[in-house]
């Protein structure tokens, strides 16, 4: 069973553009982008939604991490020996 696809909310798109992080967002795997959007849109309170957007932006700015978990972009991973 496939997960539902979450559309990009306008406020998230605006923040990505304002912060200059749309390219970093688009470079992430599709599952990460979809999970972030689902997590953000599931927030019931505006404060929670804002905090989740801030968390996503911080991980994108750092270039690693994914929803509080360790994640390293494939280009930065050391080759197996």
PDB file of N, CA and C in Angstrom:
ATOM      1  N   UNK A   1       0.836  -1.187   0.000  1.00  0.00           N
ATOM      2  CA  UNK A   1       0.000   0.000   0.000  1.00  0.00           C
ATOM      3  C   UNK A   1       0.883   1.254   0.000  1.00  0.00           C
ATOM      4  N   UNK A   2       0.591   2.160  -0.907  1.00  0.00           N
ATOM      5  CA  UNK A   2       1.374   3.393  -1.004  1.00  0.00           C
ATOM      6  C   UNK A   2       0.898   4.415   0.015  1.00  0.00           C
ATOM      7  N   UNK A   3       1.837   5.244   0.447  1.00  0.00           N
ATOM      8  CA  UNK A   3       1.482   6.349   1.345  1.00  0.00           C
ATOM      9  C   UNK A   3       0.788   7.441   0.542  1.00  0.00           C
ATOM     10  N   UNK A   4      -0.098   8.188   1.182  1.00  0.00           N
ATOM     11  CA  UNK A   4      -0.709   9.309   0.465  1.00  0.00           C
ATOM     12  C   UNK A   4       0.342  10.383   0.184  1.00  0.00           C
ATOM     13  N   UNK A   5       0.219  11.034  -0.960  1.00  0.00           N
ATOM     14  CA  UNK A   5       1.119  12.138  -1.311  1.00  0.00           C
ATOM     15  C   UNK A   5       0.542  13.423  -0.753  1.00  0.00           C
ATOM     16  N   UNK A   6       1.399  14.187  -0.103  1.00  0.00           N
ATOM     17  CA  UNK A   6       0.969  15.444   0.501  1.00  0.00           C
ATOM     18  C   UNK A   6       1.371  16.612  -0.396  1.00  0.00           C
ATOM     19  N   UNK A   7       0.417  17.482  -0.725  1.00  0.00           N
ATOM     20  CA  UNK A   7       0.753  18.648  -1.540  1.00  0.00           C
ATOM     21  C   UNK A   7       1.555  19.665  -0.730  1.00  0.00           C
ATOM     22  N   UNK A   8       2.302  20.493  -1.427  1.00  0.00           N
ATOM     23  CA  UNK A   8       3.108  21.535  -0.789  1.00  0.00           C
ATOM     24  C   UNK A   8       2.190  22.674  -0.337  1.00  0.00           C
ATOM     25  N   UNK A   9       2.073  22.914   0.974  1.00  0.00           N
ATOM     26  CA  UNK A   9       1.284  24.049   1.454  1.00  0.00           C
ATOM     27  C   UNK A   9       1.969  25.375   1.085  1.00  0.00           C
ATOM     28  N   UNK A  10       1.168  26.371   0.860  1.00  0.00           N
ATOM     29  CA  UNK A  10       1.691  27.670   0.451  1.00  0.00           C
ATOM     30  C   UNK A  10       2.653  28.260   1.480  1.00  0.00           C
ATOM     31  N   UNK A  11       2.325  28.126   2.776  1.00  0.00           N
ATOM     32  CA  UNK A  11       3.199  28.712   3.800  1.00  0.00           C
ATOM     33  C   UNK A  11       4.563  28.025   3.830  1.00  0.00           C
ATOM     34  N   UNK A  12       4.598  26.721   3.572  1.00  0.00           N
ATOM     35  CA  UNK A  12       5.868  25.995   3.547  1.00  0.00           C
ATOM     36  C   UNK A  12       6.677  26.420   2.320  1.00  0.00           C
ATOM     37  N   UNK A  13       6.025  26.512   1.175  1.00  0.00           N
ATOM     38  CA  UNK A  13       6.708  26.948  -0.052  1.00  0.00           C
ATOM     39  C   UNK A  13       7.278  28.354   0.130  1.00  0.00           C
ATOM     40  N   UNK A  14       6.511  29.230   0.765  1.00  0.00           N
ATOM     41  CA  UNK A  14       6.979  30.606   1.011  1.00  0.00           C
ATOM     42  C   UNK A  14       8.210  30.623   1.905  1.00  0.00           C
ATOM     43  N   UNK A  15       8.193  29.824   2.971  1.00  0.00           N
ATOM     44  CA  UNK A  15       9.346  29.786   3.884  1.00  0.00           C
ATOM     45  C   UNK A  15      10.579  29.210   3.201  1.00  0.00           C
ATOM     46  N   UNK A  16      10.393  28.151   2.414  1.00  0.00           N
ATOM     47  CA  UNK A  16      11.526  27.571   1.677  1.00  0.00           C
ATOM     48  C   UNK A  16      12.146  28.611   0.748  1.00  0.00           C
ATOM     49  N   UNK A  17      11.302  29.370   0.068  1.00  0.00           N
ATOM     50  CA  UNK A  17      11.790  30.401  -0.851  1.00  0.00           C
ATOM     51  C   UNK A  17      12.467  31.532  -0.084  1.00  0.00           C
ATOM     52  N   UNK A  18      11.843  32.003   0.972  1.00  0.00           N
ATOM     53  CA  UNK A  18      12.391  33.100   1.776  1.00  0.00           C
ATOM     54  C   UNK A  18      13.745  32.735   2.369  1.00  0.00           C
ATOM     55  N   UNK A  19      13.877  31.502   2.832  1.00  0.00           N
ATOM     56  CA  UNK A  19      15.117  31.038   3.466  1.00  0.00           C
ATOM     57  C   UNK A  19      16.162  30.580   2.444  1.00  0.00           C
ATOM     58  N   UNK A  20      15.776  30.546   1.163  1.00  0.00           N
ATOM     59  CA  UNK A  20      16.705  30.096   0.123  1.00  0.00           C
ATOM     60  C   UNK A  20      17.010  28.609   0.210  1.00  0.00           C
ATOM     61  N   UNK A  21      16.034  27.826   0.673  1.00  0.00           N
ATOM     62  CA  UNK A  21      16.272  26.401   0.898  1.00  0.00           C
ATOM     63  C   UNK A  21      15.466  25.492  -0.024  1.00  0.00           C
ATOM     64  N   UNK A  22      14.820  26.053  -1.025  1.00  0.00           N
ATOM     65  CA  UNK A  22      14.014  25.211  -1.921  1.00  0.00           C
ATOM     66  C   UNK A  22      14.886  24.189  -2.646  1.00  0.00           C
ATOM     67  N   UNK A  23      16.072  24.588  -3.074  1.00  0.00           N
ATOM     68  CA  UNK A  23      16.973  23.653  -3.743  1.00  0.00           C
ATOM     69  C   UNK A  23      17.380  22.507  -2.833  1.00  0.00           C
ATOM     70  N   UNK A  24      17.670  22.812  -1.574  1.00  0.00           N
ATOM     71  CA  UNK A  24      18.033  21.773  -0.604  1.00  0.00           C
ATOM     72  C   UNK A  24      16.856  20.834  -0.364  1.00  0.00           C
ATOM     73  N   UNK A  25      15.660  21.397  -0.316  1.00  0.00           N
ATOM     74  CA  UNK A  25      14.447  20.592  -0.140  1.00  0.00           C
ATOM     75  C   UNK A  25      14.247  19.673  -1.344  1.00  0.00           C
ATOM     76  N   UNK A  26      14.334  20.236  -2.538  1.00  0.00           N
ATOM     77  CA  UNK A  26      14.120  19.456  -3.761  1.00  0.00           C
ATOM     78  C   UNK A  26      15.166  18.365  -3.946  1.00  0.00           C
ATOM     79  N   UNK A  27      16.351  18.535  -3.370  1.00  0.00           N
ATOM     80  CA  UNK A  27      17.422  17.545  -3.490  1.00  0.00           C
ATOM     81  C   UNK A  27      17.204  16.336  -2.569  1.00  0.00           C
ATOM     82  N   UNK A  28      16.310  16.465  -1.605  1.00  0.00           N
ATOM     83  CA  UNK A  28      16.047  15.343  -0.697  1.00  0.00           C
ATOM     84  C   UNK A  28      15.232  14.266  -1.397  1.00  0.00           C
ATOM     85  N   UNK A  29      15.334  13.024  -0.926  1.00  0.00           N
ATOM     86  CA  UNK A  29      14.534  11.944  -1.520  1.00  0.00           C
ATOM     87  C   UNK A  29      13.036  12.246  -1.401  1.00  0.00           C
ATOM     88  N   UNK A  30      12.244  11.779  -2.363  1.00  0.00           N
ATOM     89  CA  UNK A  30      10.797  12.043  -2.326  1.00  0.00           C
ATOM     90  C   UNK A  30      10.122  11.606  -1.027  1.00  0.00           C
ATOM     91  N   UNK A  31      10.542  10.480  -0.434  1.00  0.00           N
ATOM     92  CA  UNK A  31       9.904  10.039   0.805  1.00  0.00           C
ATOM     93  C   UNK A  31      10.122  11.046   1.925  1.00  0.00           C
ATOM     94  N   UNK A  32      11.292  11.680   1.977  1.00  0.00           N
ATOM     95  CA  UNK A  32      11.545  12.668   3.025  1.00  0.00           C
ATOM     96  C   UNK A  32      10.673  13.901   2.826  1.00  0.00           C
ATOM     97  N   UNK A  33      10.614  14.384   1.596  1.00  0.00           N
ATOM     98  CA  UNK A  33       9.788  15.555   1.314  1.00  0.00           C
ATOM     99  C   UNK A  33       8.338  15.283   1.689  1.00  0.00           C
ATOM    100  N   UNK A  34       7.823  14.122   1.307  1.00  0.00           N
ATOM    101  CA  UNK A  34       6.434  13.775   1.598  1.00  0.00           C
ATOM    102  C   UNK A  34       6.204  13.616   3.106  1.00  0.00           C
ATOM    103  N   UNK A  35       7.133  12.962   3.791  1.00  0.00           N
ATOM    104  CA  UNK A  35       6.990  12.787   5.245  1.00  0.00           C
ATOM    105  C   UNK A  35       6.978  14.132   5.969  1.00  0.00           C
ATOM    106  N   UNK A  36       7.884  15.023   5.575  1.00  0.00           N
ATOM    107  CA  UNK A  36       7.902  16.343   6.205  1.00  0.00           C
ATOM    108  C   UNK A  36       6.565  17.059   6.019  1.00  0.00           C
ATOM    109  N   UNK A  37       6.055  17.057   4.788  1.00  0.00           N
ATOM    110  CA  UNK A  37       4.800  17.759   4.521  1.00  0.00           C
ATOM    111  C   UNK A  37       3.643  17.147   5.296  1.00  0.00           C
ATOM    112  N   UNK A  38       3.591  15.826   5.376  1.00  0.00           N
ATOM    113  CA  UNK A  38       2.543  15.171   6.157  1.00  0.00           C
ATOM    114  C   UNK A  38       2.633  15.513   7.630  1.00  0.00           C
ATOM    115  N   UNK A  39       3.844  15.529   8.154  1.00  0.00           N
ATOM    116  CA  UNK A  39       4.086  15.842   9.560  1.00  0.00           C
ATOM    117  C   UNK A  39       3.677  17.284   9.861  1.00  0.00           C
ATOM    118  N   UNK A  40       4.045  18.189   8.976  1.00  0.00           N
ATOM    119  CA  UNK A  40       3.714  19.603   9.169  1.00  0.00           C
ATOM    120  C   UNK A  40       2.214  19.822   9.090  1.00  0.00           C
ATOM    121  N   UNK A  41       1.559  19.251   8.088  1.00  0.00           N
ATOM    122  CA  UNK A  41       0.121  19.494   7.916  1.00  0.00           C
ATOM    123  C   UNK A  41      -0.732  18.784   8.966  1.00  0.00           C
ATOM    124  N   UNK A  42      -0.179  17.785   9.640  1.00  0.00           N
ATOM    125  CA  UNK A  42      -0.923  17.088  10.690  1.00  0.00           C
ATOM    126  C   UNK A  42      -0.974  17.871  12.002  1.00  0.00           C
ATOM    127  N   UNK A  43      -0.188  18.922  12.114  1.00  0.00           N
ATOM    128  CA  UNK A  43      -0.177  19.718  13.347  1.00  0.00           C
ATOM    129  C   UNK A  43      -1.549  20.364  13.559  1.00  0.00           C
ATOM    130  N   UNK A  44      -2.025  20.298  14.773  1.00  0.00           N
ATOM    131  CA  UNK A  44      -3.336  20.866  15.085  1.00  0.00           C
ATOM    132  C   UNK A  44      -3.253  22.340  15.486  1.00  0.00           C
ATOM    133  N   UNK A  45      -2.168  22.716  16.135  1.00  0.00           N
ATOM    134  CA  UNK A  45      -2.028  24.106  16.595  1.00  0.00           C
ATOM    135  C   UNK A  45      -1.046  24.857  15.707  1.00  0.00           C
ATOM    136  N   UNK A  46      -1.304  26.131  15.475  1.00  0.00           N
ATOM    137  CA  UNK A  46      -0.389  26.941  14.654  1.00  0.00           C
ATOM    138  C   UNK A  46       1.033  26.962  15.206  1.00  0.00           C
ATOM    139  N   UNK A  47       1.175  26.957  16.535  1.00  0.00           N
ATOM    140  CA  UNK A  47       2.511  26.985  17.145  1.00  0.00           C
ATOM    141  C   UNK A  47       3.270  25.703  16.814  1.00  0.00           C
ATOM    142  N   UNK A  48       2.563  24.582  16.824  1.00  0.00           N
ATOM    143  CA  UNK A  48       3.190  23.302  16.503  1.00  0.00           C
ATOM    144  C   UNK A  48       3.602  23.272  15.036  1.00  0.00           C
ATOM    145  N   UNK A  49       2.733  23.754  14.180  1.00  0.00           N
ATOM    146  CA  UNK A  49       3.036  23.800  12.740  1.00  0.00           C
ATOM    147  C   UNK A  49       4.278  24.649  12.488  1.00  0.00           C
ATOM    148  N   UNK A  50       4.334  25.828  13.109  1.00  0.00           N
ATOM    149  CA  UNK A  50       5.485  26.718  12.935  1.00  0.00           C
ATOM    150  C   UNK A  50       6.767  26.056  13.437  1.00  0.00           C
ATOM    151  N   UNK A  51       6.686  25.365  14.565  1.00  0.00           N
ATOM    152  CA  UNK A  51       7.859  24.691  15.132  1.00  0.00           C
ATOM    153  C   UNK A  51       8.333  23.563  14.204  1.00  0.00           C
ATOM    154  N   UNK A  52       7.397  22.851  13.601  1.00  0.00           N
ATOM    155  CA  UNK A  52       7.760  21.766  12.690  1.00  0.00           C
ATOM    156  C   UNK A  52       8.401  22.313  11.409  1.00  0.00           C
ATOM    157  N   UNK A  53       7.873  23.415  10.902  1.00  0.00           N
ATOM    158  CA  UNK A  53       8.485  24.046   9.725  1.00  0.00           C
ATOM    159  C   UNK A  53       9.899  24.490  10.064  1.00  0.00           C
ATOM    160  N   UNK A  54      10.069  25.122  11.222  1.00  0.00           N
ATOM    161  CA  UNK A  54      11.403  25.561  11.657  1.00  0.00           C
ATOM    162  C   UNK A  54      12.368  24.382  11.769  1.00  0.00           C
ATOM    163  N   UNK A  55      11.878  23.262  12.272  1.00  0.00           N
ATOM    164  CA  UNK A  55      12.716  22.073  12.417  1.00  0.00           C
ATOM    165  C   UNK A  55      13.167  21.558  11.047  1.00  0.00           C
ATOM    166  N   UNK A  56      12.241  21.498  10.092  1.00  0.00           N
ATOM    167  CA  UNK A  56      12.591  21.059   8.747  1.00  0.00           C
ATOM    168  C   UNK A  56      13.623  22.000   8.133  1.00  0.00           C
ATOM    169  N   UNK A  57      13.410  23.296   8.278  1.00  0.00           N
ATOM    170  CA  UNK A  57      14.335  24.274   7.700  1.00  0.00           C
ATOM    171  C   UNK A  57      15.722  24.162   8.330  1.00  0.00           C
ATOM    172  N   UNK A  58      15.790  23.921   9.630  1.00  0.00           N
ATOM    173  CA  UNK A  58      17.080  23.773  10.305  1.00  0.00           C
ATOM    174  C   UNK A  58      17.838  22.556   9.769  1.00  0.00           C
ATOM    175  N   UNK A  59      17.122  21.454   9.549  1.00  0.00           N
ATOM    176  CA  UNK A  59      17.772  20.253   9.010  1.00  0.00           C
ATOM    177  C   UNK A  59      18.238  20.486   7.577  1.00  0.00           C
ATOM    178  N   UNK A  60      17.442  21.186   6.793  1.00  0.00           N
ATOM    179  CA  UNK A  60      17.855  21.498   5.422  1.00  0.00           C
ATOM    180  C   UNK A  60      19.065  22.421   5.416  1.00  0.00           C
ATOM    181  N   UNK A  61      19.058  23.398   6.306  1.00  0.00           N
ATOM    182  CA  UNK A  61      20.176  24.348   6.402  1.00  0.00           C
ATOM    183  C   UNK A  61      21.459  23.615   6.798  1.00  0.00           C
ATOM    184  N   UNK A  62      21.347  22.665   7.715  1.00  0.00           N
ATOM    185  CA  UNK A  62      22.517  21.906   8.177  1.00  0.00           C
ATOM    186  C   UNK A  62      23.007  20.931   7.107  1.00  0.00           C
ATOM    187  N   UNK A  63      22.112  20.525   6.209  1.00  0.00           N
ATOM    188  CA  UNK A  63      22.501  19.608   5.143  1.00  0.00           C
ATOM    189  C   UNK A  63      22.451  18.148   5.537  1.00  0.00           C
ATOM    190  N   UNK A  64      22.010  17.873   6.748  1.00  0.00           N
ATOM    191  CA  UNK A  64      21.882  16.487   7.196  1.00  0.00           C
ATOM    192  C   UNK A  64      20.762  16.421   8.217  1.00  0.00           C
ATOM    193  N   UNK A  65      20.390  15.232   8.586  1.00  0.00           N
ATOM    194  CA  UNK A  65      19.281  15.040   9.505  1.00  0.00           C
ATOM    195  C   UNK A  65      17.976  14.964   8.754  1.00  0.00           C
ATOM    196  N   UNK A  66      17.048  14.215   9.354  1.00  0.00           N
ATOM    197  CA  UNK A  66      15.730  14.035   8.750  1.00  0.00           C
ATOM    198  C   UNK A  66      14.751  13.714   9.866  1.00  0.00           C
ATOM    199  N   UNK A  67      13.896  14.652  10.178  1.00  0.00           N
ATOM    200  CA  UNK A  67      12.878  14.518  11.224  1.00  0.00           C
ATOM    201  C   UNK A  67      13.488  14.052  12.556  1.00  0.00           C
ATOM    202  N   UNK A  68      14.610  14.640  12.901  1.00  0.00           N
ATOM    203  CA  UNK A  68      15.264  14.332  14.165  1.00  0.00           C
ATOM    204  C   UNK A  68      16.140  13.098  14.143  1.00  0.00           C
ATOM    205  N   UNK A  69      16.227  12.445  12.988  1.00  0.00           N
ATOM    206  CA  UNK A  69      17.052  11.242  12.873  1.00  0.00           C
ATOM    207  C   UNK A  69      18.320  11.560  12.081  1.00  0.00           C
ATOM    208  N   UNK A  70      19.322  10.738  12.265  1.00  0.00           N
ATOM    209  CA  UNK A  70      20.558  10.907  11.504  1.00  0.00           C
ATOM    210  C   UNK A  70      20.292  10.569  10.044  1.00  0.00           C
ATOM    211  N   UNK A  71      20.794  11.404   9.148  1.00  0.00           N
ATOM    212  CA  UNK A  71      20.723  11.158   7.712  1.00  0.00           C
ATOM    213  C   UNK A  71      21.834  11.954   7.071  1.00  0.00           C
ATOM    214  N   UNK A  72      22.601  11.294   6.226  1.00  0.00           N
ATOM    215  CA  UNK A  72      23.690  11.946   5.508  1.00  0.00           C
ATOM    216  C   UNK A  72      23.407  11.843   4.024  1.00  0.00           C
ATOM    217  N   UNK A  73      23.549  12.937   3.284  1.00  0.00           N
ATOM    218  CA  UNK A  73      23.326  12.861   1.841  1.00  0.00           C
ATOM    219  C   UNK A  73      24.267  11.856   1.201  1.00  0.00           C
ATOM    220  N   UNK A  74      23.807  11.142   0.173  1.00  0.00           N
ATOM    221  CA  UNK A  74      24.650  10.129  -0.474  1.00  0.00           C
ATOM    222  C   UNK A  74      26.014  10.657  -0.915  1.00  0.00           C
ATOM    223  N   UNK A  75      26.088  11.882  -1.400  1.00  0.00           N
ATOM    224  CA  UNK A  75      27.358  12.431  -1.878  1.00  0.00           C
ATOM    225  C   UNK A  75      28.374  12.624  -0.741  1.00  0.00           C
ATOM    226  N   UNK A  76      27.898  12.747   0.497  1.00  0.00           N
ATOM    227  CA  UNK A  76      28.789  12.986   1.624  1.00  0.00           C
ATOM    228  C   UNK A  76      29.167  11.694   2.353  1.00  0.00           C
ATOM    229  N   UNK A  77      28.580  10.575   1.939  1.00  0.00           N
ATOM    230  CA  UNK A  77      28.878   9.298   2.605  1.00  0.00           C
ATOM    231  C   UNK A  77      30.221   8.769   2.149  1.00  0.00           C
ATOM    232  N   UNK A  78      30.930   8.147   3.075  1.00  0.00           N
ATOM    233  CA  UNK A  78      32.213   7.528   2.756  1.00  0.00           C
ATOM    234  C   UNK A  78      31.941   6.216   2.019  1.00  0.00           C
ATOM    235  N   UNK A  79      32.705   5.926   0.981  1.00  0.00           N
ATOM    236  CA  UNK A  79      32.489   4.654   0.272  1.00  0.00           C
ATOM    237  C   UNK A  79      32.827   3.468   1.161  1.00  0.00           C
ATOM    238  N   UNK A  80      32.111   2.375   0.968  1.00  0.00           N
ATOM    239  CA  UNK A  80      32.383   1.151   1.730  1.00  0.00           C
ATOM    240  C   UNK A  80      33.701   0.556   1.288  1.00  0.00           C
ATOM    241  N   UNK A  81      34.347  -0.065   2.231  1.00  0.00           N
ATOM    242  CA  UNK A  81      35.630  -0.682   1.876  1.00  0.00           C
ATOM    243  C   UNK A  81      35.590  -2.155   2.105  1.00  0.00           C
TER     244      UNK A  81
END
